[in-house]
Amino acid sequence: MNQGGTSFTPRRDAVILIVDDAPDNLSVLRKLMVEQGYQTYVANSGERGLEIARRVHPHLILLDVIMPGMDGFETCRQLKSHPATEDIPVLFMSARNEQEDVVTGFELGAVDYIGKPLRMAEVCARVRTQLQIRFATETQQEQSERLRTIVNNMAEGLLIIEADGRIQFTNPACDQYLGYMSHELAGKSISDLLNPLVAGEYLDYFARYAANPEAAHSHGTREVIIRHRTGKSVCMDLTLTPMFLRQPLFIGLLHDITHHKLSEDALQRAAMIDPLTKIANRRHFDSFLEKEWQRAMRTGAPLSLVVLDVDHFKLFNDTLGHAQGDVCLQQVAQAISAHALRVTDLAARYGGEEFVLLFAETDADSAYQMAESIRTHVESLHIPHPRSATSPHITVSIGVATLCPTPTDNIESLFVAADRAMYAAKEDGRNQVRATRPPTTAIEAARAALAKR
């Protein structure tokens, strides 16, 4: 049979309970319900009906109103007051068809009221309709519960945001990410969580979408800094998708990328560190020098470069082995880096046994004194060097160059000057510091480079 254009096939697990004190009515109704394909139970009193209802949980109860003892109205009242049976649809059957009785039945929670004598086709139609409603409601409730379970257990934070930026809903993951209790974020604005400029961008987007939903598009994903309840900042990916129900709303998905950012930062740090000595590598030093060079040109402050080389290091490796050579370089690196104390200082391994230090805002005399302190520090390590012609211990030769950069100068000239000073230290017997000024012209720089070769 077609009901409102929708076919309905009785579910095999549809359970009907008939409560009527008249045996003939029970028999006829039971036979009719069985023929419709329903699993059917019968009771001849309100008390027995309550007992069966609480035990089998039928999908629908056909309940006579006029019964001795507990009548149908009282039976319904008790059904609706018990958690196990309160949601079962009750369909009254009664010869009492006065308006007052019908109203009482609906006020007690009945879904329908059929007058006697019963017209069986009508009973079947009404039962079928109520079962359709019951099963559709159950399906919607199951879907809602399934959706609620998914939302509450998803790893990503979820926010529902109104067009004015007011947060309407958050799921547990969002609350946990941001340190809030359940429902505590509801009613707050995204301006409470985001940088004012970023919040303003989103609010502008919300306003444009609300004014013209068809012309708007998904805002996509962007990396944002969100204010945690404790005041700290957390790094998240925020994806915003608009939807229009009775009002424009925006679904926000938050993905915690703190671990990713930490890993990314760790990779960036690793890319700037020499893996053996754990101090800055050449790439980091060159980048740092470029920044300090530009700053020195703006301020007119002196910039000092120290270049040093471990004396007779190849001989050390050949004598004691590369493993000991690595340990030696690590010890020397730590001694050198101990003298780069300011944020404008940097010590780095520039390659092999060669190290460099940059001292910003440091004049020539101060740089020379720092270099001498480094030399004596390395010598005081007393790292044995059995075959060294300079000392029984590891020593270093150091060159220092100082310059107040101008637009006509270049970084290469500073390196050339420091290198020239270091080679002078080696030629004069090693284990000493030499300082020189950078070449002042391009010709002089070229000559210095040729002389070094």
Protein backbone atom coordinates (compact mmCIF):
# COMPACT_ATOMS: atom_id res chain seq x y z
CA MET A 1 0.00 0.00 0.00
CA ASN A 2 1.24 3.50 -0.81
CA GLN A 3 1.13 6.10 1.98
CA GLY A 4 1.62 9.65 0.73
CA GLY A 5 3.60 8.45 -2.27
CA THR A 6 6.01 6.39 -0.10
CA SER A 7 5.81 2.61 0.03
CA PHE A 8 6.25 0.97 3.40
CA THR A 9 7.17 -2.63 4.02
CA PRO A 10 6.67 -3.77 7.65
CA ARG A 11 9.95 -4.56 9.34
CA ARG A 12 10.19 -8.13 10.53
CA ASP A 13 11.33 -6.87 13.93
CA ALA A 14 8.35 -4.50 14.33
CA VAL A 15 6.73 -5.37 17.65
CA ILE A 16 3.12 -4.52 18.54
CA LEU A 17 1.52 -4.80 21.97
CA ILE A 18 -2.30 -4.90 22.15
CA VAL A 19 -3.90 -4.15 25.52
CA ASP A 20 -7.67 -4.81 25.67
CA ASP A 21 -9.87 -6.54 28.22
CA ALA A 22 -12.28 -7.86 25.53
CA PRO A 23 -11.13 -11.30 24.28
CA ASP A 24 -12.85 -10.86 20.89
CA ASN A 25 -11.10 -7.56 20.26
CA LEU A 26 -7.76 -9.07 21.28
CA SER A 27 -8.23 -12.02 18.95
CA VAL A 28 -9.28 -9.98 15.94
CA LEU A 29 -6.58 -7.37 16.41
CA ARG A 30 -3.88 -9.95 17.05
CA LYS A 31 -4.77 -11.81 13.85
CA LEU A 32 -4.79 -8.57 11.87
CA MET A 33 -1.38 -7.48 13.16
CA VAL A 34 0.17 -10.88 12.52
CA GLU A 35 -1.18 -10.81 8.96
CA GLN A 36 0.54 -7.44 8.52
CA GLY A 37 3.83 -9.09 9.43
CA TYR A 38 4.23 -7.69 12.94
CA GLN A 39 5.46 -9.60 15.97
CA THR A 40 2.46 -9.29 18.28
CA TYR A 41 1.93 -9.49 22.04
CA VAL A 42 -1.42 -9.22 23.85
CA ALA A 43 -2.47 -8.26 27.38
CA ASN A 44 -5.99 -8.24 28.89
CA SER A 45 -5.30 -5.63 31.59
CA GLY A 46 -3.36 -2.46 32.13
CA GLU A 47 -1.16 -4.10 34.76
CA ARG A 48 -0.26 -6.97 32.41
CA GLY A 49 0.33 -4.49 29.59
CA LEU A 50 2.83 -2.53 31.71
CA GLU A 51 4.69 -5.73 32.57
CA ILE A 52 4.99 -6.85 28.94
CA ALA A 53 5.91 -3.34 27.73
CA ARG A 54 8.79 -3.10 30.18
CA ARG A 55 10.01 -6.56 29.18
CA VAL A 56 9.75 -6.57 25.36
CA HIS A 57 9.88 -2.81 24.54
CA PRO A 58 7.35 -2.85 21.67
CA HIS A 59 7.51 -0.32 18.86
CA LEU A 60 3.81 0.56 19.27
CA ILE A 61 1.06 -0.07 21.81
CA LEU A 62 -2.64 -0.35 20.88
CA LEU A 63 -4.34 0.53 24.15
CA ASP A 64 -8.01 0.28 25.05
CA VAL A 65 -9.27 3.12 27.25
CA ILE A 66 -12.12 1.41 29.11
CA MET A 67 -10.81 -1.48 31.19
CA PRO A 68 -11.63 -2.67 34.71
CA GLY A 69 -9.09 -1.81 37.39
CA MET A 70 -6.36 0.22 35.71
CA ASP A 71 -7.93 1.94 32.71
CA GLY A 72 -6.11 2.94 29.56
CA PHE A 73 -5.47 6.53 30.63
CA GLU A 74 -3.72 5.40 33.84
CA THR A 75 -1.80 2.73 31.94
CA CYS A 76 -0.57 5.38 29.50
CA ARG A 77 0.31 7.71 32.38
CA GLN A 78 2.51 4.99 33.93
CA LEU A 79 4.05 4.09 30.59
CA LYS A 80 5.11 7.71 30.05
CA SER A 81 6.50 8.04 33.57
CA HIS A 82 8.88 5.08 33.24
CA PRO A 83 12.26 5.56 31.44
CA ALA A 84 12.05 2.15 29.78
CA THR A 85 8.67 2.83 28.15
CA GLU A 86 8.31 6.62 27.92
CA ASP A 87 9.25 6.75 24.23
CA ILE A 88 6.88 3.97 23.06
CA PRO A 89 4.07 5.43 20.87
CA VAL A 90 0.63 4.76 22.31
CA LEU A 91 -2.43 4.55 20.06
CA PHE A 92 -5.72 4.69 22.02
CA MET A 93 -8.80 2.67 21.02
CA SER A 94 -12.09 3.60 22.66
CA ALA A 95 -15.82 3.93 22.26
CA ARG A 96 -15.51 7.12 24.31
CA ASN A 97 -15.12 9.58 21.48
CA GLU A 98 -16.14 12.76 23.23
CA GLN A 99 -13.80 15.69 22.70
CA GLU A 100 -12.80 15.67 26.36
CA ASP A 101 -11.65 12.04 26.19
CA VAL A 102 -9.72 12.56 22.97
CA VAL A 103 -7.98 15.64 24.39
CA THR A 104 -7.13 13.74 27.59
CA GLY A 105 -5.59 10.95 25.54
CA PHE A 106 -3.34 13.33 23.62
CA GLU A 107 -2.42 15.24 26.77
CA LEU A 108 -1.24 11.98 28.29
CA GLY A 109 1.16 11.54 25.38
CA ALA A 110 -0.75 9.36 22.92
CA VAL A 111 0.13 9.69 19.22
CA ASP A 112 -3.36 8.80 17.93
CA TYR A 113 -6.91 8.09 19.06
CA ILE A 114 -9.17 5.60 17.17
CA GLY A 115 -12.86 5.45 17.89
CA LYS A 116 -14.77 2.19 18.28
CA PRO A 117 -16.23 0.28 16.62
CA LEU A 118 -12.89 -0.26 14.91
CA ARG A 119 -12.56 -0.14 11.15
CA MET A 120 -9.73 -2.59 10.55
CA ALA A 121 -8.39 -0.99 7.36
CA GLU A 122 -8.15 2.29 9.24
CA VAL A 123 -6.39 0.58 12.16
CA CYS A 124 -3.85 -0.92 9.77
CA ALA A 125 -3.25 2.44 8.09
CA ARG A 126 -2.80 4.28 11.39
CA VAL A 127 -0.50 1.60 12.79
CA ARG A 128 1.54 1.65 9.59
CA THR A 129 1.84 5.45 9.69
CA GLN A 130 2.94 5.48 13.32
CA LEU A 131 5.53 2.76 12.68
CA GLN A 132 6.87 4.76 9.74
CA ILE A 133 7.21 7.79 12.00
CA ARG A 134 8.78 5.68 14.76
CA PHE A 135 11.35 4.06 12.51
CA ALA A 136 12.14 7.34 10.74
CA THR A 137 12.64 9.01 14.11
CA GLU A 138 14.85 6.14 15.28
CA THR A 139 16.88 6.41 12.09
CA GLN A 140 17.31 10.15 12.56
CA GLN A 141 18.24 9.63 16.21
CA GLU A 142 20.76 6.95 15.24
CA GLN A 143 22.24 9.23 12.58
CA SER A 144 22.36 12.13 15.02
CA GLU A 145 23.99 9.94 17.65
CA ARG A 146 26.48 8.60 15.12
CA LEU A 147 27.31 12.15 14.00
CA ARG A 148 27.61 13.27 17.62
CA THR A 149 29.95 10.36 18.35
CA ILE A 150 32.10 11.22 15.33
CA VAL A 151 32.28 14.91 16.24
CA ASN A 152 33.05 14.17 19.89
CA ASN A 153 35.77 11.65 19.07
CA MET A 154 37.43 13.26 16.06
CA ALA A 155 41.07 14.24 16.51
CA GLU A 156 40.58 17.64 14.88
CA GLY A 157 39.06 20.53 16.75
CA LEU A 158 35.72 21.68 15.37
CA LEU A 159 34.07 25.07 15.79
CA ILE A 160 30.78 26.38 14.47
CA ILE A 161 31.04 30.14 14.06
CA GLU A 162 28.29 32.67 13.34
CA ALA A 163 28.64 35.51 10.84
CA ASP A 164 29.46 38.04 13.58
CA GLY A 165 32.37 35.87 14.77
CA ARG A 166 30.51 34.42 17.76
CA ILE A 167 31.43 30.81 18.51
CA GLN A 168 28.29 28.69 18.65
CA PHE A 169 29.75 25.23 19.30
CA THR A 170 33.06 23.47 19.90
CA ASN A 171 33.85 19.78 20.13
CA PRO A 172 35.97 18.16 22.89
CA ALA A 173 39.14 18.16 20.77
CA CYS A 174 38.87 21.93 20.24
CA ASP A 175 38.28 22.49 23.96
CA GLN A 176 41.27 20.30 24.81
CA TYR A 177 43.56 22.01 22.29
CA LEU A 178 42.77 25.44 23.70
CA GLY A 179 42.48 24.51 27.38
CA TYR A 180 38.78 25.21 27.87
CA MET A 181 36.06 23.28 29.68
CA SER A 182 33.15 21.83 27.70
CA HIS A 183 30.85 24.58 26.32
CA GLU A 184 33.09 27.30 27.83
CA LEU A 185 34.02 28.70 24.41
CA ALA A 186 30.38 29.01 23.29
CA GLY A 187 29.46 32.68 23.16
CA LYS A 188 33.03 33.92 22.86
CA SER A 189 34.27 35.64 19.71
CA ILE A 190 37.08 34.50 17.43
CA SER A 191 38.63 37.86 18.32
CA ASP A 192 39.26 36.37 21.78
CA LEU A 193 41.41 33.65 20.19
CA LEU A 194 43.16 35.21 17.20
CA ASN A 195 45.52 38.07 16.47
CA PRO A 196 43.39 41.21 15.83
CA LEU A 197 44.54 41.48 12.20
CA VAL A 198 43.77 37.83 11.46
CA ALA A 199 40.43 38.01 13.29
CA GLY A 200 39.58 41.10 11.25
CA GLU A 201 40.30 39.27 8.00
CA TYR A 202 37.97 36.45 8.99
CA LEU A 203 35.21 38.82 10.09
CA ASP A 204 35.43 40.62 6.73
CA TYR A 205 35.13 37.26 4.98
CA PHE A 206 32.11 36.33 7.13
CA ALA A 207 30.41 39.63 6.27
CA ARG A 208 31.00 39.17 2.52
CA TYR A 209 29.60 35.63 2.63
CA ALA A 210 26.55 36.67 4.68
CA ALA A 211 25.81 39.45 2.18
CA ASN A 212 26.19 37.22 -0.87
CA PRO A 213 26.46 33.48 -0.08
CA GLU A 214 26.49 32.40 -3.72
CA ALA A 215 29.48 34.54 -4.60
CA ALA A 216 31.58 33.46 -1.61
CA HIS A 217 33.97 30.54 -1.59
CA SER A 218 35.66 28.35 0.99
CA HIS A 219 38.33 30.28 2.84
CA GLY A 220 40.66 27.28 2.72
CA THR A 221 43.38 26.37 5.21
CA ARG A 222 45.88 28.72 6.78
CA GLU A 223 48.35 28.53 9.62
CA VAL A 224 47.26 30.65 12.57
CA ILE A 225 48.47 31.40 16.07
CA ILE A 226 45.65 30.84 18.57
CA ARG A 227 45.59 32.12 22.12
CA HIS A 228 45.36 29.24 24.64
CA ARG A 229 43.24 29.75 27.74
CA THR A 230 46.47 30.07 29.77
CA GLY A 231 47.64 32.90 27.53
CA LYS A 232 50.31 30.96 25.66
CA SER A 233 50.25 30.73 21.86
CA VAL A 234 49.61 27.51 19.97
CA CYS A 235 50.22 26.97 16.28
CA MET A 236 47.27 25.47 14.38
CA ASP A 237 46.03 24.90 10.86
CA LEU A 238 42.54 26.44 10.54
CA THR A 239 40.22 25.38 7.71
CA LEU A 240 37.01 27.39 7.29
CA THR A 241 34.05 26.21 5.23
CA PRO A 242 30.83 28.24 4.90
CA MET A 243 27.36 26.70 5.07
CA PHE A 244 23.92 28.26 5.04
CA LEU A 245 21.08 26.79 7.11
CA ARG A 246 18.64 29.24 8.66
CA GLN A 247 21.59 31.62 8.95
CA PRO A 248 25.11 31.79 7.53
CA LEU A 249 27.46 29.64 9.60
CA PHE A 250 31.10 28.66 9.24
CA ILE A 251 32.62 25.30 10.09
CA GLY A 252 36.16 25.66 11.41
CA LEU A 253 38.50 22.68 11.65
CA LEU A 254 41.58 23.03 13.84
CA HIS A 255 44.57 20.77 13.34
CA ASP A 256 47.34 20.97 15.93
CA ILE A 257 50.66 21.45 14.14
CA THR A 258 52.71 22.22 17.25
CA HIS A 259 54.62 18.95 16.91
CA HIS A 260 55.10 19.59 13.21
CA LYS A 261 56.39 23.09 13.91
CA LEU A 262 58.74 21.77 16.59
CA SER A 263 60.04 19.20 14.10
CA GLU A 264 60.32 21.87 11.44
CA ASP A 265 62.22 24.14 13.82
CA ALA A 266 64.46 21.22 14.80
CA LEU A 267 65.21 20.56 11.12
CA GLN A 268 65.97 24.22 10.55
CA ARG A 269 68.29 24.24 13.55
CA ALA A 270 69.94 21.04 12.34
CA ALA A 271 70.51 22.65 8.95
CA MET A 272 72.44 25.46 10.68
CA ILE A 273 74.56 23.27 12.98
CA ASP A 274 77.78 21.44 12.20
CA PRO A 275 76.95 17.79 13.03
CA LEU A 276 80.40 17.02 14.50
CA THR A 277 81.12 20.04 16.70
CA LYS A 278 77.49 21.15 17.38
CA ILE A 279 78.34 24.80 16.71
CA ALA A 280 77.18 26.84 13.71
CA ASN A 281 78.09 25.59 10.25
CA ARG A 282 79.38 27.59 7.29
CA ARG A 283 75.90 28.17 5.84
CA HIS A 284 74.61 29.64 9.08
CA PHE A 285 77.70 31.77 9.54
CA ASP A 286 77.53 33.24 6.03
CA SER A 287 73.88 34.17 6.55
CA PHE A 288 74.60 35.67 9.97
CA LEU A 289 77.56 37.63 8.62
CA GLU A 290 75.45 39.08 5.80
CA LYS A 291 72.85 40.38 8.28
CA GLU A 292 75.45 41.86 10.61
CA TRP A 293 77.30 43.40 7.67
CA GLN A 294 74.11 45.20 6.56
CA ARG A 295 73.44 46.34 10.13
CA ALA A 296 77.01 47.63 10.53
CA MET A 297 76.66 49.63 7.31
CA ARG A 298 73.52 51.29 8.72
CA THR A 299 75.00 52.04 12.14
CA GLY A 300 78.66 52.67 11.21
CA ALA A 301 79.76 50.26 13.97
CA PRO A 302 82.95 48.17 13.53
CA LEU A 303 82.71 44.51 12.57
CA SER A 304 85.51 42.10 13.55
CA LEU A 305 86.19 38.72 11.96
CA VAL A 306 88.40 36.09 13.59
CA VAL A 307 89.71 33.17 11.52
CA LEU A 308 91.68 30.38 13.19
CA ASP A 309 93.21 27.11 12.15
CA VAL A 310 94.32 24.15 14.30
CA ASP A 311 98.11 23.87 13.98
CA HIS A 312 99.47 20.68 12.34
CA PHE A 313 96.05 19.03 12.44
CA LYS A 314 96.77 16.63 9.55
CA LEU A 315 99.79 15.36 11.46
CA PHE A 316 97.57 14.95 14.56
CA ASN A 317 95.10 12.83 12.56
CA ASP A 318 97.87 10.74 10.98
CA THR A 319 99.41 10.08 14.39
CA LEU A 320 96.38 9.51 16.65
CA GLY A 321 93.65 8.60 14.16
CA HIS A 322 90.52 10.31 12.90
CA ALA A 323 88.46 9.38 15.95
CA GLN A 324 90.82 11.33 18.19
CA GLY A 325 90.87 14.06 15.57
CA ASP A 326 87.08 14.39 15.84
CA VAL A 327 87.29 14.61 19.64
CA CYS A 328 89.97 17.28 19.30
CA LEU A 329 87.82 19.37 16.97
CA GLN A 330 84.85 19.06 19.35
CA GLN A 331 86.93 20.30 22.29
CA VAL A 332 88.37 23.19 20.29
CA ALA A 333 84.88 24.14 19.05
CA GLN A 334 83.51 24.31 22.58
CA ALA A 335 86.44 26.43 23.73
CA ILE A 336 85.89 28.83 20.82
CA SER A 337 82.11 29.09 21.23
CA ALA A 338 82.58 29.94 24.93
CA HIS A 339 83.84 33.35 23.76
CA ALA A 340 80.81 34.12 21.57
CA LEU A 341 78.59 35.32 24.41
CA ARG A 342 76.42 38.05 22.84
CA VAL A 343 73.55 37.61 20.40
CA THR A 344 75.68 39.56 17.93
CA ASP A 345 78.57 37.05 18.27
CA LEU A 346 78.78 33.76 16.42
CA ALA A 347 81.35 30.95 16.35
CA ALA A 348 81.29 28.41 13.51
CA ARG A 349 83.22 25.57 11.99
CA TYR A 350 84.00 26.83 8.52
CA GLY A 351 85.49 23.63 7.15
CA GLY A 352 87.95 20.94 8.22
CA GLU A 353 90.03 22.31 11.10
CA GLU A 354 89.22 25.96 10.28
CA PHE A 355 86.94 27.98 12.55
CA VAL A 356 85.58 31.53 12.36
CA LEU A 357 84.09 33.97 14.85
CA LEU A 358 82.21 37.17 14.20
CA PHE A 359 82.11 39.98 16.77
CA ALA A 360 79.70 42.77 15.84
CA GLU A 361 80.16 46.25 17.29
CA THR A 362 83.72 45.28 18.27
CA ASP A 363 86.78 47.42 17.47
CA ALA A 364 90.19 46.11 16.45
CA ASP A 365 91.79 46.24 19.92
CA SER A 366 88.89 44.42 21.57
CA ALA A 367 88.81 41.83 18.79
CA TYR A 368 92.55 41.20 19.19
CA GLN A 369 92.14 40.69 22.94
CA MET A 370 89.25 38.27 22.33
CA ALA A 371 91.36 36.33 19.83
CA GLU A 372 94.24 36.12 22.32
CA SER A 373 91.84 34.81 24.98
CA ILE A 374 90.66 32.13 22.55
CA ARG A 375 94.26 31.13 21.74
CA THR A 376 95.19 30.74 25.40
CA HIS A 377 91.96 28.89 26.13
CA VAL A 378 92.67 26.29 23.43
CA GLU A 379 96.26 25.91 24.62
CA SER A 380 95.05 25.41 28.20
CA LEU A 381 93.02 22.39 27.11
CA HIS A 382 96.36 20.48 27.01
CA ILE A 383 95.21 18.18 24.23
CA PRO A 384 98.37 16.08 23.55
CA HIS A 385 99.99 16.52 20.13
CA PRO A 386 103.08 14.26 20.24
CA ARG A 387 104.52 15.18 16.82
CA SER A 388 103.79 18.92 16.77
CA ALA A 389 106.84 21.08 16.10
CA THR A 390 105.11 24.01 17.78
CA SER A 391 103.98 22.64 21.14
CA PRO A 392 103.40 19.28 22.86
CA HIS A 393 99.74 20.28 22.92
CA ILE A 394 97.16 21.40 20.37
CA THR A 395 97.49 25.10 19.46
CA VAL A 396 95.79 27.44 17.01
CA SER A 397 96.93 30.21 14.72
CA ILE A 398 94.54 33.17 14.56
CA GLY A 399 93.97 36.04 12.17
CA VAL A 400 91.85 39.09 12.99
CA ALA A 401 90.39 41.74 10.70
CA THR A 402 88.19 44.72 11.65
CA LEU A 403 86.19 46.96 9.34
CA CYS A 404 83.45 49.59 9.50
CA PRO A 405 81.61 48.56 6.31
CA THR A 406 80.58 51.11 3.70
CA PRO A 407 78.68 50.59 0.43
CA THR A 408 82.00 50.40 -1.44
CA ASP A 409 83.27 47.53 0.74
CA ASN A 410 82.50 43.84 0.37
CA ILE A 411 82.47 40.87 2.71
CA GLU A 412 85.15 39.08 0.72
CA SER A 413 87.66 41.80 1.58
CA LEU A 414 87.08 41.18 5.28
CA PHE A 415 87.72 37.46 4.84
CA VAL A 416 90.82 38.08 2.77
CA ALA A 417 92.25 40.34 5.47
CA ALA A 418 91.54 37.85 8.28
CA ASP A 419 92.94 34.97 6.23
CA ARG A 420 96.08 37.00 5.44
CA ALA A 421 96.57 37.68 9.14
CA MET A 422 96.11 33.99 10.02
CA TYR A 423 98.70 32.92 7.44
CA ALA A 424 101.06 35.52 8.84
CA ALA A 425 100.61 33.92 12.27
CA LYS A 426 101.48 30.52 10.81
CA GLU A 427 104.53 31.85 8.99
CA ASP A 428 105.76 33.52 12.19
CA GLY A 429 105.76 30.22 14.10
CA ARG A 430 102.05 29.42 14.82
CA ASN A 431 100.24 29.50 18.16
CA GLN A 432 99.80 33.26 17.96
CA VAL A 433 97.39 36.03 16.90
CA ARG A 434 97.97 38.43 14.05
CA ALA A 435 95.72 41.31 12.99
CA THR A 436 95.52 43.28 9.77
CA ARG A 437 93.27 45.81 8.16
CA PRO A 438 91.12 44.80 5.17
CA PRO A 439 92.24 45.97 1.70
CA THR A 440 90.70 49.33 0.92
CA THR A 441 90.44 48.91 -2.85
CA ALA A 442 89.39 46.17 -5.21
CA ILE A 443 92.93 46.08 -6.66
CA GLU A 444 94.45 45.63 -3.25
CA ALA A 445 91.94 42.88 -2.44
CA ALA A 446 92.90 41.05 -5.64
CA ARG A 447 96.59 41.35 -4.84
CA ALA A 448 95.99 40.01 -1.34
CA ALA A 449 94.08 37.05 -2.73
CA LEU A 450 96.91 36.28 -5.20
CA ALA A 451 99.51 36.61 -2.46
CA LYS A 452 97.60 34.12 -0.36
CA ARG A 453 97.79 31.57 -3.15
